[in-house]
Amino acid sequence: MREVVVLGILLVHLGIRSYAQDPAPPPTTETKHSGAPLGQITVGPFIITPTFRIGTLAVDTNVQYQRERRADFLASGGPGLDIGLPFLDHWKLGVQGTSQYFYFHRTRELRRWTGGGMASLEWATTGTRALLSVNTTTDFSRPSFEVDTRVASSQRNFNGLVERDLGRLTLVARATFNRTRLDADQDYRGADLTTALTVDRLMASPEFRYRLTPMTSLLVEGSYDVSRFPKASNRNFHGESVGVGVLTTGLLKGQATVGVRRNTLSSGGASSTQPYFRFNLNESRQLGRRFRLDGSYAHESTISAFAGDGGLPTIEQRSLRVGLGIQLNKRMDLRLSGNRTTLKSGGLVRVILDDGTTGLERRDDVAYVGTADLGFRLGRARVGLYASYTARESLYFADFGIQGLQAGARVEYAPF
């Protein structure tokens, strides 16, 4: 399942600007749309763009993520509306709304409407940028490789960002509040998902960048976050992290960071200190004009649905992704990607097995996802014929071993 994440695109756009003290242009009316624009209407100062998003048209051999696979045809799509209001030279107000219907031909219980909305206020002037945004989404998808079922949930996010250039030094401050609510009476293999995954999370993360060369910067980052579980206060915890890294914008566009992270149960007792490393390669220019290499690696503590009482409600996740894009000609391209994800619990977890008995062991899983996508550009749209294969094995729980192939077509709006 896929969802539209407009806020992430805006934050990335703000975060990778040049560190030089160039005059900042006023916000433009061009933005990432919620789907393919069907037209554009100007009403006074407002720029209104109705859109339509066509998602996936595919055959999936394992739509329910089970060892006994069930094949089905699925499709998704829906309308959207984008509204932009640039004003006072340096300000811009943006509003977006989307809805999407997921259709399964045989598995009627999986059919569902999802959607969301976003509003943002952006201000940019010489050396200073600021952004306030709020977005809300309803989702029906698999939350992670730890849980092999689709989960109905709603999320609300409040985000703030301030960035200030001071010559070679750039100061960045971010704050995020996330509220996740799951629909009632959702469980999986003995885990009460509604209780375990309903959470409020507040995070503050300052960052300092120092430009060493025109294309290389040193960065120091930190964060403090608090997680509160309205239905299970014994799971409340907080975390701190600090790290250093390098950001480059030359032949290799990306960022690498290494640091240490500590999580502590709010009631005392359980705590965990872990080193972390992550990198994000946005683009490599060393492979030639027709090739584009990108990749990422992340080590993070994520909220666990199975963590037992008395311990941290987290599971360690390490994810590696490598992608290669090949421009075959002006209208055709090929995208190849591979993902490897591992999950390891800090303690024993209790799981109801296929035969109804209860297993008590550690989670130690590895999952692989390989995707090939052949795309054809038709005007401002890209039509991709793709195949994606997923395999997941669990060292101690054989019942978590699954495989699945999804093949079909998808349409995306690609104006550039």
Protein backbone atom coordinates (compact mmCIF):
# COMPACT_ATOMS: atom_id res chain seq x y z
CA MET A 1 0.00 0.00 0.00
CA ARG A 2 1.10 3.50 -0.72
CA GLU A 3 0.02 6.87 0.65
CA VAL A 4 0.70 10.42 -0.34
CA VAL A 5 3.28 12.08 1.93
CA VAL A 6 3.34 15.70 0.99
CA LEU A 7 4.98 17.04 4.16
CA GLY A 8 8.11 14.95 3.78
CA ILE A 9 8.72 16.35 0.31
CA LEU A 10 8.46 19.93 1.62
CA LEU A 11 10.91 19.30 4.46
CA VAL A 12 13.45 17.65 2.19
CA HIS A 13 13.17 20.58 -0.22
CA LEU A 14 13.92 23.01 2.59
CA GLY A 15 16.71 20.92 4.09
CA ILE A 16 18.97 20.59 1.02
CA ARG A 17 19.22 24.21 -0.03
CA SER A 18 22.63 25.80 -0.56
CA TYR A 19 24.47 26.98 2.51
CA ALA A 20 25.72 30.18 0.87
CA GLN A 21 24.15 33.53 1.74
CA ASP A 22 22.40 33.92 -1.59
CA PRO A 23 19.24 36.03 -1.64
CA ALA A 24 16.27 33.76 -1.11
CA PRO A 25 13.60 34.08 -3.81
CA PRO A 26 10.01 34.43 -2.71
CA PRO A 27 8.01 31.20 -2.56
CA THR A 28 6.89 30.10 -6.00
CA THR A 29 3.55 28.74 -7.05
CA GLU A 30 5.12 25.49 -8.30
CA THR A 31 4.77 22.63 -5.84
CA LYS A 32 4.41 18.89 -5.71
CA HIS A 33 0.81 18.08 -6.56
CA SER A 34 -1.32 15.48 -4.80
CA GLY A 35 -1.89 13.77 -8.15
CA ALA A 36 -2.03 14.44 -11.86
CA PRO A 37 -3.40 17.99 -12.39
CA LEU A 38 -6.67 18.06 -14.31
CA GLY A 39 -6.41 21.82 -14.84
CA GLN A 40 -5.71 25.00 -12.94
CA ILE A 41 -8.08 27.75 -11.88
CA THR A 42 -7.18 31.18 -10.55
CA VAL A 43 -9.78 32.71 -8.23
CA GLY A 44 -8.51 36.06 -7.00
CA PRO A 45 -5.16 35.36 -5.32
CA PHE A 46 -5.88 31.61 -4.99
CA ILE A 47 -4.42 29.02 -7.37
CA ILE A 48 -6.75 25.98 -7.38
CA THR A 49 -5.66 22.70 -8.96
CA PRO A 50 -8.00 19.68 -9.04
CA THR A 51 -6.05 16.42 -9.35
CA PHE A 52 -6.59 12.72 -9.80
CA ARG A 53 -4.23 10.06 -8.52
CA ILE A 54 -4.05 6.62 -10.16
CA GLY A 55 -2.20 4.26 -7.87
CA THR A 56 -1.62 0.58 -8.48
CA LEU A 57 -3.27 -1.83 -10.91
CA ALA A 58 -1.78 -5.21 -10.10
CA VAL A 59 -2.10 -8.89 -9.30
CA ASP A 60 -0.80 -9.73 -5.83
CA THR A 61 -0.15 -13.39 -4.98
CA ASN A 62 -0.34 -12.77 -1.21
CA VAL A 63 -2.71 -9.91 -0.39
CA GLN A 64 -3.21 -11.08 3.22
CA TYR A 65 0.50 -11.63 4.05
CA GLN A 66 -0.06 -15.27 5.08
CA ARG A 67 1.97 -18.46 4.65
CA GLU A 68 -0.97 -19.87 2.68
CA ARG A 69 -1.05 -17.33 -0.10
CA ARG A 70 -4.22 -15.84 -1.57
CA ALA A 71 -3.97 -14.10 -4.95
CA ASP A 72 -6.14 -11.17 -5.92
CA PHE A 73 -6.38 -8.23 -8.30
CA LEU A 74 -6.10 -4.81 -6.69
CA ALA A 75 -6.47 -1.23 -7.88
CA SER A 76 -6.32 2.17 -6.24
CA GLY A 77 -7.08 5.75 -7.20
CA GLY A 78 -8.96 8.87 -6.22
CA PRO A 79 -9.38 12.65 -6.56
CA GLY A 80 -7.54 15.47 -4.84
CA LEU A 81 -7.55 19.24 -4.61
CA ASP A 82 -4.58 21.60 -4.19
CA ILE A 83 -4.90 25.27 -3.23
CA GLY A 84 -1.99 27.71 -3.19
CA LEU A 85 -1.90 31.31 -1.95
CA PRO A 86 1.37 33.24 -2.33
CA PHE A 87 1.19 36.63 -0.59
CA LEU A 88 3.34 39.46 0.76
CA ASP A 89 6.32 38.43 -1.42
CA HIS A 90 7.86 36.00 1.09
CA TRP A 91 4.85 34.05 2.29
CA LYS A 92 2.94 31.11 0.89
CA LEU A 93 -0.09 29.23 2.18
CA GLY A 94 -0.75 25.77 0.78
CA VAL A 95 -3.69 23.40 1.27
CA GLN A 96 -4.04 19.91 -0.17
CA GLY A 97 -6.67 17.23 0.15
CA THR A 98 -6.69 13.69 -1.25
CA SER A 99 -8.84 10.58 -1.18
CA GLN A 100 -8.10 7.14 -2.52
CA TYR A 101 -10.12 3.94 -2.85
CA PHE A 102 -8.43 0.53 -2.63
CA TYR A 103 -10.28 -2.13 -4.57
CA PHE A 104 -9.70 -5.88 -4.19
CA HIS A 105 -11.60 -8.10 -6.59
CA ARG A 106 -11.93 -11.23 -4.43
CA THR A 107 -11.08 -10.03 -0.91
CA ARG A 108 -14.01 -7.73 -0.27
CA GLU A 109 -13.14 -7.11 3.39
CA LEU A 110 -9.97 -5.26 2.31
CA ARG A 111 -11.80 -2.67 0.21
CA ARG A 112 -11.41 0.71 1.83
CA TRP A 113 -11.42 4.48 1.33
CA THR A 114 -8.38 6.32 2.65
CA GLY A 115 -7.31 9.94 2.37
CA GLY A 116 -5.94 12.97 4.08
CA GLY A 117 -5.35 16.68 4.10
CA MET A 118 -2.47 19.07 4.63
CA ALA A 119 -2.10 22.77 5.31
CA SER A 120 1.23 24.60 5.42
CA LEU A 121 2.46 28.16 5.90
CA GLU A 122 5.92 28.93 4.51
CA TRP A 123 8.07 32.01 4.88
CA ALA A 124 11.42 32.56 3.17
CA THR A 125 13.73 35.53 2.95
CA THR A 126 17.48 36.13 2.73
CA GLY A 127 19.16 33.50 4.91
CA THR A 128 16.04 32.50 6.84
CA ARG A 129 13.31 29.95 6.22
CA ALA A 130 10.37 28.87 8.36
CA LEU A 131 7.57 26.35 7.91
CA LEU A 132 4.49 25.42 9.91
CA SER A 133 2.30 22.56 8.76
CA VAL A 134 -0.39 20.16 9.87
CA ASN A 135 -1.54 17.04 8.07
CA THR A 136 -4.00 14.29 8.80
CA THR A 137 -4.35 10.89 7.11
CA THR A 138 -6.48 7.77 7.32
CA ASP A 139 -4.67 4.60 6.35
CA PHE A 140 -5.29 0.89 5.86
CA SER A 141 -1.92 -0.78 5.34
CA ARG A 142 0.70 -2.97 6.93
CA PRO A 143 2.45 -0.91 9.66
CA SER A 144 5.79 -2.78 9.43
CA PHE A 145 7.36 -6.18 8.77
CA GLU A 146 6.66 -7.06 12.42
CA VAL A 147 2.90 -7.25 11.76
CA ASP A 148 1.60 -9.30 8.83
CA THR A 149 -1.82 -7.74 8.49
CA ARG A 150 -3.36 -4.48 7.32
CA VAL A 151 -4.26 -2.05 10.08
CA ALA A 152 -6.89 0.70 10.00
CA SER A 153 -5.47 3.86 11.56
CA SER A 154 -5.57 7.64 11.52
CA GLN A 155 -2.66 10.02 12.05
CA ARG A 156 -2.34 13.72 12.76
CA ASN A 157 1.00 15.50 12.51
CA PHE A 158 2.03 19.01 13.53
CA ASN A 159 5.42 20.19 12.28
CA GLY A 160 7.55 23.28 12.68
CA LEU A 161 10.89 24.16 11.12
CA VAL A 162 13.18 27.19 11.35
CA GLU A 163 16.44 27.41 9.38
CA ARG A 164 18.92 30.30 9.59
CA ASP A 165 22.10 30.78 7.52
CA LEU A 166 24.96 32.59 9.28
CA GLY A 167 27.72 32.52 6.68
CA ARG A 168 29.41 29.13 6.95
CA LEU A 169 27.14 28.09 9.83
CA THR A 170 23.52 27.03 9.40
CA LEU A 171 21.21 26.52 12.38
CA VAL A 172 18.13 24.29 12.05
CA ALA A 173 15.41 23.62 14.63
CA ARG A 174 12.62 21.10 14.08
CA ALA A 175 9.68 20.11 16.25
CA THR A 176 7.10 17.40 15.53
CA PHE A 177 4.00 16.13 17.30
CA ASN A 178 2.44 12.92 15.98
CA ARG A 179 -0.83 11.39 17.14
CA THR A 180 -1.64 7.87 15.92
CA ARG A 181 -4.98 6.22 16.62
CA LEU A 182 -5.96 2.69 15.60
CA ASP A 183 -9.55 1.56 15.13
CA ALA A 184 -10.95 -0.55 17.97
CA ASP A 185 -10.62 -4.32 18.31
CA GLN A 186 -7.63 -4.94 16.05
CA ASP A 187 -5.29 -7.74 17.06
CA TYR A 188 -2.72 -10.02 15.48
CA ARG A 189 -1.36 -13.32 16.85
CA GLY A 190 -2.20 -12.38 20.42
CA ALA A 191 -0.97 -8.77 20.24
CA ASP A 192 -3.56 -6.06 20.97
CA LEU A 193 -2.63 -3.71 18.12
CA THR A 194 -5.13 -1.03 19.14
CA THR A 195 -3.49 -0.73 22.55
CA ALA A 196 0.13 -1.22 21.50
CA LEU A 197 0.22 1.10 18.47
CA THR A 198 -2.02 3.96 19.65
CA VAL A 199 0.56 6.56 20.65
CA ASP A 200 1.33 10.28 20.99
CA ARG A 201 4.89 11.30 20.21
CA LEU A 202 6.60 14.67 20.66
CA MET A 203 10.08 15.26 19.22
CA ALA A 204 12.48 18.21 19.14
CA SER A 205 15.64 17.99 17.02
CA PRO A 206 18.23 20.79 16.61
CA GLU A 207 20.91 20.59 13.93
CA PHE A 208 24.07 22.59 13.23
CA ARG A 209 25.83 22.57 9.84
CA TYR A 210 29.24 24.04 9.14
CA ARG A 211 30.30 24.47 5.51
CA LEU A 212 33.84 23.11 5.02
CA THR A 213 33.92 23.50 1.22
CA PRO A 214 31.35 24.71 -1.33
CA MET A 215 30.08 21.12 -1.62
CA THR A 216 30.78 19.59 1.80
CA SER A 217 29.40 20.41 5.24
CA LEU A 218 29.95 19.00 8.71
CA LEU A 219 26.81 18.56 10.80
CA VAL A 220 26.01 17.94 14.45
CA GLU A 221 22.51 16.74 15.36
CA GLY A 222 20.55 15.89 18.46
CA SER A 223 17.02 14.93 19.43
CA TYR A 224 14.73 14.43 22.40
CA ASP A 225 11.43 12.60 22.10
CA VAL A 226 8.64 11.52 24.43
CA SER A 227 6.21 8.68 23.57
CA ARG A 228 2.94 8.32 25.47
CA PHE A 229 0.46 5.43 25.08
CA PRO A 230 -3.07 6.51 26.10
CA LYS A 231 -4.26 2.90 26.48
CA ALA A 232 -1.12 1.52 28.17
CA SER A 233 0.75 4.05 30.30
CA ASN A 234 3.22 1.36 31.45
CA ARG A 235 4.72 1.52 27.93
CA ASN A 236 5.56 5.26 28.12
CA PHE A 237 9.21 6.05 27.37
CA HIS A 238 11.52 8.85 26.29
CA GLY A 239 14.68 8.95 24.20
CA GLU A 240 17.72 11.12 23.53
CA SER A 241 20.26 10.97 20.72
CA VAL A 242 23.31 12.88 19.51
CA GLY A 243 25.34 12.39 16.35
CA VAL A 244 27.78 13.88 13.86
CA GLY A 245 27.89 13.53 10.10
CA VAL A 246 28.84 14.83 6.68
CA LEU A 247 26.61 16.28 3.96
CA THR A 248 27.79 16.50 0.34
CA THR A 249 26.28 18.09 -2.78
CA GLY A 250 28.97 17.26 -5.37
CA LEU A 251 29.38 14.05 -7.40
CA LEU A 252 27.70 12.26 -4.52
CA LYS A 253 24.60 13.96 -3.16
CA GLY A 254 23.81 12.64 0.26
CA GLN A 255 24.35 12.55 4.00
CA ALA A 256 25.96 10.13 6.47
CA THR A 257 25.53 10.32 10.25
CA VAL A 258 26.83 8.28 13.17
CA GLY A 259 25.79 8.70 16.79
CA VAL A 260 24.36 7.15 19.93
CA ARG A 261 20.73 6.81 21.06
CA ARG A 262 19.29 6.02 24.50
CA ASN A 263 15.71 5.01 25.32
CA THR A 264 14.41 4.86 28.91
CA LEU A 265 11.12 3.57 30.27
CA SER A 266 9.34 6.44 32.04
CA SER A 267 8.47 4.30 35.06
CA GLY A 268 12.16 3.49 35.52
CA GLY A 269 14.05 0.24 35.26
CA ALA A 270 14.40 -0.65 31.60
CA SER A 271 16.71 1.35 29.35
CA SER A 272 18.76 0.74 26.23
CA THR A 273 21.74 2.54 24.71
CA GLN A 274 22.52 1.80 21.08
CA PRO A 275 24.93 3.26 18.51
CA TYR A 276 23.31 4.23 15.24
CA PHE A 277 24.44 4.86 11.70
CA ARG A 278 22.46 6.09 8.75
CA PHE A 279 23.15 7.41 5.31
CA ASN A 280 21.07 8.68 2.45
CA LEU A 281 22.47 8.85 -1.10
CA ASN A 282 20.15 10.99 -3.21
CA GLU A 283 22.10 10.77 -6.45
CA SER A 284 25.48 9.73 -7.82
CA ARG A 285 26.82 11.46 -10.94
CA GLN A 286 29.77 9.11 -11.34
CA LEU A 287 27.85 6.52 -13.37
CA GLY A 288 27.13 8.71 -16.39
CA ARG A 289 24.19 10.72 -17.65
CA ARG A 290 21.93 7.72 -18.27
CA PHE A 291 22.39 6.15 -14.83
CA ARG A 292 21.22 7.27 -11.41
CA LEU A 293 22.30 5.48 -8.23
CA ASP A 294 20.62 6.09 -4.89
CA GLY A 295 20.41 4.28 -1.59
CA SER A 296 19.88 4.53 2.13
CA TYR A 297 20.64 2.76 5.39
CA ALA A 298 19.01 3.38 8.76
CA HIS A 299 19.25 1.84 12.22
CA GLU A 300 16.37 2.91 14.44
CA SER A 301 14.25 1.85 17.38
CA THR A 302 10.61 1.52 16.34
CA ILE A 303 7.52 0.86 18.43
CA SER A 304 6.81 -2.85 18.81
CA ALA A 305 3.38 -4.48 18.85
CA PHE A 306 4.65 -7.56 20.73
CA ALA A 307 6.97 -6.13 23.42
CA GLY A 308 6.11 -7.54 26.86
CA ASP A 309 5.35 -5.67 30.08
CA GLY A 310 8.27 -4.34 32.08
CA GLY A 311 10.54 -3.72 29.10
CA LEU A 312 10.93 -1.06 26.46
CA PRO A 313 8.10 -1.21 23.87
CA THR A 314 10.60 -1.03 20.99
CA ILE A 315 12.26 -3.27 18.44
CA GLU A 316 15.55 -2.63 16.65
CA GLN A 317 15.18 -2.23 12.89
CA ARG A 318 17.96 -2.00 10.32
CA SER A 319 17.04 -1.18 6.72
CA LEU A 320 19.25 -1.09 3.63
CA ARG A 321 17.99 0.04 0.22
CA VAL A 322 19.85 0.33 -3.09
CA GLY A 323 18.27 1.68 -6.27
CA LEU A 324 19.49 2.06 -9.85
CA GLY A 325 17.72 4.11 -12.52
CA ILE A 326 18.59 3.67 -16.21
CA GLN A 327 17.37 6.10 -18.87
CA LEU A 328 16.91 3.88 -21.92
CA ASN A 329 15.79 6.69 -24.25
CA LYS A 330 13.81 9.93 -24.06
CA ARG A 331 10.57 8.15 -23.18
CA MET A 332 11.63 4.90 -21.49
CA ASP A 333 13.46 4.20 -18.26
CA LEU A 334 14.14 1.19 -16.02
CA ARG A 335 14.17 1.33 -12.21
CA LEU A 336 15.71 -1.48 -10.16
CA SER A 337 15.75 -1.60 -6.37
CA GLY A 338 16.52 -3.99 -3.55
CA ASN A 339 15.69 -3.73 0.16
CA ARG A 340 16.92 -5.71 3.15
CA THR A 341 15.31 -5.19 6.56
CA THR A 342 16.13 -6.92 9.86
CA LEU A 343 14.10 -6.87 13.08
CA LYS A 344 15.47 -7.87 16.50
CA SER A 345 13.59 -7.65 19.79
CA GLY A 346 15.34 -6.75 23.02
CA GLY A 347 13.61 -9.55 24.93
CA LEU A 348 11.22 -12.46 24.64
CA VAL A 349 7.86 -11.94 22.92
CA ARG A 350 4.70 -14.03 23.18
CA VAL A 351 3.09 -15.06 19.86
CA ILE A 352 0.06 -17.23 19.06
CA LEU A 353 1.16 -19.73 16.39
CA ASP A 354 -0.83 -21.22 13.52
CA ASP A 355 -1.80 -24.30 15.55
CA GLY A 356 -3.22 -22.15 18.38
CA THR A 357 -0.36 -22.74 20.83
CA THR A 358 1.70 -19.92 22.34
CA GLY A 359 5.37 -19.42 21.48
CA LEU A 360 7.82 -17.47 23.64
CA GLU A 361 11.04 -16.42 21.88
CA ARG A 362 12.95 -13.44 20.53
CA ARG A 363 12.02 -11.84 17.24
CA ASP A 364 14.92 -12.17 14.81
CA ASP A 365 13.57 -11.60 11.29
CA VAL A 366 15.01 -10.68 7.92
CA ALA A 367 13.00 -9.50 4.91
CA TYR A 368 13.99 -8.94 1.29
CA VAL A 369 12.13 -6.92 -1.34
CA GLY A 370 13.23 -6.73 -4.98
CA THR A 371 11.50 -4.52 -7.57
CA ALA A 372 11.86 -3.92 -11.31
CA ASP A 373 9.89 -1.11 -13.00
CA LEU A 374 9.87 -0.35 -16.75
CA GLY A 375 8.43 3.12 -17.33
CA PHE A 376 7.00 4.93 -20.34
CA ARG A 377 6.59 8.70 -20.29
CA LEU A 378 3.35 9.95 -21.85
CA GLY A 379 3.35 13.73 -21.69
CA ARG A 380 3.45 14.67 -18.00
CA ALA A 381 2.63 11.16 -16.79
CA ARG A 382 4.76 8.07 -16.33
CA VAL A 383 3.21 4.62 -16.77
CA GLY A 384 5.25 1.87 -15.14
CA LEU A 385 5.03 -1.90 -15.63
CA TYR A 386 6.50 -3.43 -12.51
CA ALA A 387 7.09 -6.62 -10.55
CA SER A 388 7.92 -6.77 -6.83
CA TYR A 389 8.88 -9.88 -4.87
CA THR A 390 8.90 -10.03 -1.05
CA ALA A 391 10.34 -12.77 1.17
CA ARG A 392 10.52 -12.72 4.98
CA GLU A 393 11.97 -15.35 7.32
CA SER A 394 11.98 -15.49 11.13
CA LEU A 395 14.73 -17.37 12.96
CA TYR A 396 12.62 -18.56 15.91
CA PHE A 397 9.05 -18.29 14.57
CA ALA A 398 8.65 -20.33 11.39
CA ASP A 399 5.01 -19.20 11.14
CA PHE A 400 6.24 -15.69 10.24
CA GLY A 401 7.87 -16.89 7.02
CA ILE A 402 6.01 -15.42 4.03
CA GLN A 403 6.54 -14.90 0.31
CA GLY A 404 4.62 -12.85 -2.23
CA LEU A 405 4.81 -11.50 -5.77
CA GLN A 406 3.01 -8.38 -6.98
CA ALA A 407 3.00 -7.48 -10.67
CA GLY A 408 1.07 -4.88 -12.58
CA ALA A 409 1.06 -1.24 -13.64
CA ARG A 410 1.05 2.12 -11.90
CA VAL A 411 0.69 5.70 -13.04
CA GLU A 412 2.47 8.68 -11.53
CA TYR A 413 2.54 12.34 -12.37
CA ALA A 414 6.10 13.26 -13.39
CA PRO A 415 6.24 16.83 -14.74
CA PHE A 416 10.06 17.10 -14.87
